[in-house]
């Protein structure tokens, strides 16, 4: 079985920083990609940032220049460094990993971590 667990959310003032961590564990052969999504009340879940096995990255336009995604493949862990936070970044942030277990590939969501940015 595979588990994906996020940590690092919280309350921060506008202009502040937070670092989110997502660790995958269990029966893992390889992780093809790791990413962060977010969902604010009344909104659809949206991609924030993604990093592939080859370390290619993709960011939402709204976070470019402020957020940085990175991964430690040896630890099956992905990080999201969030700087210059804005109130509109307030949302529940979810980790999503595309994980290979043997010959099977499937996506796994974490439970979510709340990020609240006060003005």
C-alpha atoms as a PDB file:
ATOM      1  CA  UNK A   1       0.000   0.000   0.000  1.00  0.00           C
ATOM      2  CA  UNK A   2       1.015   3.614  -0.534  1.00  0.00           C
ATOM      3  CA  UNK A   3       0.492   6.596   1.740  1.00  0.00           C
ATOM      4  CA  UNK A   4       0.971  10.271   0.912  1.00  0.00           C
ATOM      5  CA  UNK A   5       1.114  12.669   3.862  1.00  0.00           C
ATOM      6  CA  UNK A   6       1.425  16.463   3.793  1.00  0.00           C
ATOM      7  CA  UNK A   7       2.616  18.789   6.531  1.00  0.00           C
ATOM      8  CA  UNK A   8       3.633  22.391   6.996  1.00  0.00           C
ATOM      9  CA  UNK A   9       0.464  24.400   6.530  1.00  0.00           C
ATOM     10  CA  UNK A  10      -0.623  27.128   8.898  1.00  0.00           C
ATOM     11  CA  UNK A  11      -1.505  30.771   9.366  1.00  0.00           C
ATOM     12  CA  UNK A  12       0.824  33.470   8.076  1.00  0.00           C
ATOM     13  CA  UNK A  13       0.609  37.182   7.388  1.00  0.00           C
ATOM     14  CA  UNK A  14       0.698  38.527   3.850  1.00  0.00           C
ATOM     15  CA  UNK A  15       4.275  38.721   2.626  1.00  0.00           C
ATOM     16  CA  UNK A  16       5.331  35.803   4.789  1.00  0.00           C
ATOM     17  CA  UNK A  17       6.589  32.355   3.898  1.00  0.00           C
ATOM     18  CA  UNK A  18       5.642  28.742   4.480  1.00  0.00           C
ATOM     19  CA  UNK A  19       7.174  25.447   3.419  1.00  0.00           C
ATOM     20  CA  UNK A  20       4.976  22.465   2.672  1.00  0.00           C
ATOM     21  CA  UNK A  21       6.273  18.901   2.750  1.00  0.00           C
ATOM     22  CA  UNK A  22       4.754  15.769   1.245  1.00  0.00           C
ATOM     23  CA  UNK A  23       6.195  12.332   1.911  1.00  0.00           C
ATOM     24  CA  UNK A  24       5.185   9.135   0.127  1.00  0.00           C
ATOM     25  CA  UNK A  25       5.743   5.743   1.688  1.00  0.00           C
ATOM     26  CA  UNK A  26       4.885   2.118   1.111  1.00  0.00           C
ATOM     27  CA  UNK A  27       5.204  -0.118  -1.918  1.00  0.00           C
ATOM     28  CA  UNK A  28       6.927   2.312  -4.310  1.00  0.00           C
ATOM     29  CA  UNK A  29       8.993   1.342  -7.322  1.00  0.00           C
ATOM     30  CA  UNK A  30       9.305   4.853  -8.692  1.00  0.00           C
ATOM     31  CA  UNK A  31       7.523   8.208  -8.529  1.00  0.00           C
ATOM     32  CA  UNK A  32       6.921   9.586 -12.012  1.00  0.00           C
ATOM     33  CA  UNK A  33       5.802  13.022 -10.879  1.00  0.00           C
ATOM     34  CA  UNK A  34       4.961  14.905  -7.711  1.00  0.00           C
ATOM     35  CA  UNK A  35       2.836  17.983  -7.457  1.00  0.00           C
ATOM     36  CA  UNK A  36       0.801  20.394  -5.399  1.00  0.00           C
ATOM     37  CA  UNK A  37      -2.790  21.435  -5.989  1.00  0.00           C
ATOM     38  CA  UNK A  38      -4.962  23.799  -4.008  1.00  0.00           C
ATOM     39  CA  UNK A  39      -8.651  24.374  -3.498  1.00  0.00           C
ATOM     40  CA  UNK A  40     -10.190  27.495  -2.031  1.00  0.00           C
ATOM     41  CA  UNK A  41     -13.826  27.553  -0.843  1.00  0.00           C
ATOM     42  CA  UNK A  42     -16.185  27.713  -3.796  1.00  0.00           C
ATOM     43  CA  UNK A  43     -13.384  27.108  -6.298  1.00  0.00           C
ATOM     44  CA  UNK A  44     -12.220  24.106  -8.258  1.00  0.00           C
ATOM     45  CA  UNK A  45      -9.016  22.347  -7.340  1.00  0.00           C
ATOM     46  CA  UNK A  46      -6.155  23.817  -9.371  1.00  0.00           C
ATOM     47  CA  UNK A  47      -2.581  22.884 -10.124  1.00  0.00           C
ATOM     48  CA  UNK A  48      -0.023  24.977  -8.245  1.00  0.00           C
ATOM     49  CA  UNK A  49       3.247  23.292  -9.181  1.00  0.00           C
ATOM     50  CA  UNK A  50       4.537  19.997 -10.490  1.00  0.00           C
ATOM     51  CA  UNK A  51       7.931  18.321 -10.751  1.00  0.00           C
ATOM     52  CA  UNK A  52       8.720  15.290 -12.861  1.00  0.00           C
ATOM     53  CA  UNK A  53      11.143  12.432 -12.301  1.00  0.00           C
ATOM     54  CA  UNK A  54      13.575  14.279 -14.550  1.00  0.00           C
ATOM     55  CA  UNK A  55      13.240  17.420 -12.391  1.00  0.00           C
ATOM     56  CA  UNK A  56      11.264  19.360 -14.965  1.00  0.00           C
ATOM     57  CA  UNK A  57       8.920  21.845 -13.295  1.00  0.00           C
ATOM     58  CA  UNK A  58       5.627  23.486 -14.116  1.00  0.00           C
ATOM     59  CA  UNK A  59       3.962  26.351 -12.207  1.00  0.00           C
ATOM     60  CA  UNK A  60       0.649  28.124 -12.247  1.00  0.00           C
ATOM     61  CA  UNK A  61       1.070  31.665 -13.539  1.00  0.00           C
ATOM     62  CA  UNK A  62      -0.268  33.053 -10.264  1.00  0.00           C
ATOM     63  CA  UNK A  63       2.640  31.600  -8.259  1.00  0.00           C
ATOM     64  CA  UNK A  64       5.569  31.943 -10.667  1.00  0.00           C
ATOM     65  CA  UNK A  65       8.467  33.775  -9.052  1.00  0.00           C
ATOM     66  CA  UNK A  66       7.040  33.251  -5.544  1.00  0.00           C
ATOM     67  CA  UNK A  67       6.764  29.472  -5.110  1.00  0.00           C
ATOM     68  CA  UNK A  68       9.445  26.849  -5.673  1.00  0.00           C
ATOM     69  CA  UNK A  69       8.858  23.116  -5.926  1.00  0.00           C
ATOM     70  CA  UNK A  70      11.654  20.640  -5.249  1.00  0.00           C
ATOM     71  CA  UNK A  71      11.996  16.948  -4.532  1.00  0.00           C
ATOM     72  CA  UNK A  72      14.252  14.558  -2.661  1.00  0.00           C
ATOM     73  CA  UNK A  73      13.921  11.350  -4.658  1.00  0.00           C
ATOM     74  CA  UNK A  74      15.839   9.316  -2.083  1.00  0.00           C
ATOM     75  CA  UNK A  75      13.202  10.233   0.518  1.00  0.00           C
ATOM     76  CA  UNK A  76      10.185  10.145  -1.846  1.00  0.00           C
ATOM     77  CA  UNK A  77       9.464  13.668  -0.657  1.00  0.00           C
ATOM     78  CA  UNK A  78       8.377  16.844  -2.408  1.00  0.00           C
ATOM     79  CA  UNK A  79       8.546  20.356  -1.011  1.00  0.00           C
ATOM     80  CA  UNK A  80       6.767  23.590  -1.842  1.00  0.00           C
ATOM     81  CA  UNK A  81       8.529  26.736  -0.668  1.00  0.00           C
ATOM     82  CA  UNK A  82       6.006  29.568  -0.690  1.00  0.00           C
ATOM     83  CA  UNK A  83       7.304  33.127  -0.405  1.00  0.00           C
ATOM     84  CA  UNK A  84       5.605  36.518  -0.647  1.00  0.00           C
ATOM     85  CA  UNK A  85       2.310  34.928   0.264  1.00  0.00           C
ATOM     86  CA  UNK A  86      -0.906  36.746  -0.579  1.00  0.00           C
ATOM     87  CA  UNK A  87      -4.405  36.405   0.894  1.00  0.00           C
ATOM     88  CA  UNK A  88      -5.525  34.843  -2.386  1.00  0.00           C
ATOM     89  CA  UNK A  89      -3.136  31.949  -1.736  1.00  0.00           C
ATOM     90  CA  UNK A  90      -5.422  30.865   1.094  1.00  0.00           C
ATOM     91  CA  UNK A  91      -6.634  27.345   0.347  1.00  0.00           C
ATOM     92  CA  UNK A  92      -6.307  23.700   1.264  1.00  0.00           C
ATOM     93  CA  UNK A  93      -3.156  22.420  -0.415  1.00  0.00           C
ATOM     94  CA  UNK A  94      -3.043  18.828  -1.623  1.00  0.00           C
ATOM     95  CA  UNK A  95      -0.115  16.723  -2.691  1.00  0.00           C
ATOM     96  CA  UNK A  96      -0.616  14.474  -5.736  1.00  0.00           C
ATOM     97  CA  UNK A  97       1.937  11.837  -6.656  1.00  0.00           C
ATOM     98  CA  UNK A  98       1.971   9.595  -9.714  1.00  0.00           C
ATOM     99  CA  UNK A  99       3.464   6.426  -8.264  1.00  0.00           C
ATOM    100  CA  UNK A 100       4.636   3.226  -9.884  1.00  0.00           C
ATOM    101  CA  UNK A 101       4.295   0.053  -7.817  1.00  0.00           C
ATOM    102  CA  UNK A 102       5.668  -2.816  -9.843  1.00  0.00           C
ATOM    103  CA  UNK A 103       3.899  -2.545 -13.214  1.00  0.00           C
ATOM    104  CA  UNK A 104       0.995  -0.513 -11.868  1.00  0.00           C
ATOM    105  CA  UNK A 105       0.878   3.291 -12.068  1.00  0.00           C
ATOM    106  CA  UNK A 106      -1.724   5.361 -10.254  1.00  0.00           C
ATOM    107  CA  UNK A 107      -2.180   8.727  -8.657  1.00  0.00           C
ATOM    108  CA  UNK A 108      -2.386   9.268  -4.929  1.00  0.00           C
ATOM    109  CA  UNK A 109      -3.763  12.319  -3.113  1.00  0.00           C
ATOM    110  CA  UNK A 110      -2.726  13.445   0.321  1.00  0.00           C
ATOM    111  CA  UNK A 111      -5.249  14.473   2.946  1.00  0.00           C
ATOM    112  CA  UNK A 112      -4.641  18.196   2.467  1.00  0.00           C
ATOM    113  CA  UNK A 113      -3.121  20.910   4.625  1.00  0.00           C
ATOM    114  CA  UNK A 114      -4.691  24.309   5.276  1.00  0.00           C
ATOM    115  CA  UNK A 115      -2.791  27.457   4.344  1.00  0.00           C
ATOM    116  CA  UNK A 116      -4.297  30.724   5.529  1.00  0.00           C
ATOM    117  CA  UNK A 117      -2.786  34.088   4.625  1.00  0.00           C
ATOM    118  CA  UNK A 118      -4.078  37.086   6.546  1.00  0.00           C
ATOM    119  CA  UNK A 119      -4.024  40.614   5.131  1.00  0.00           C
END
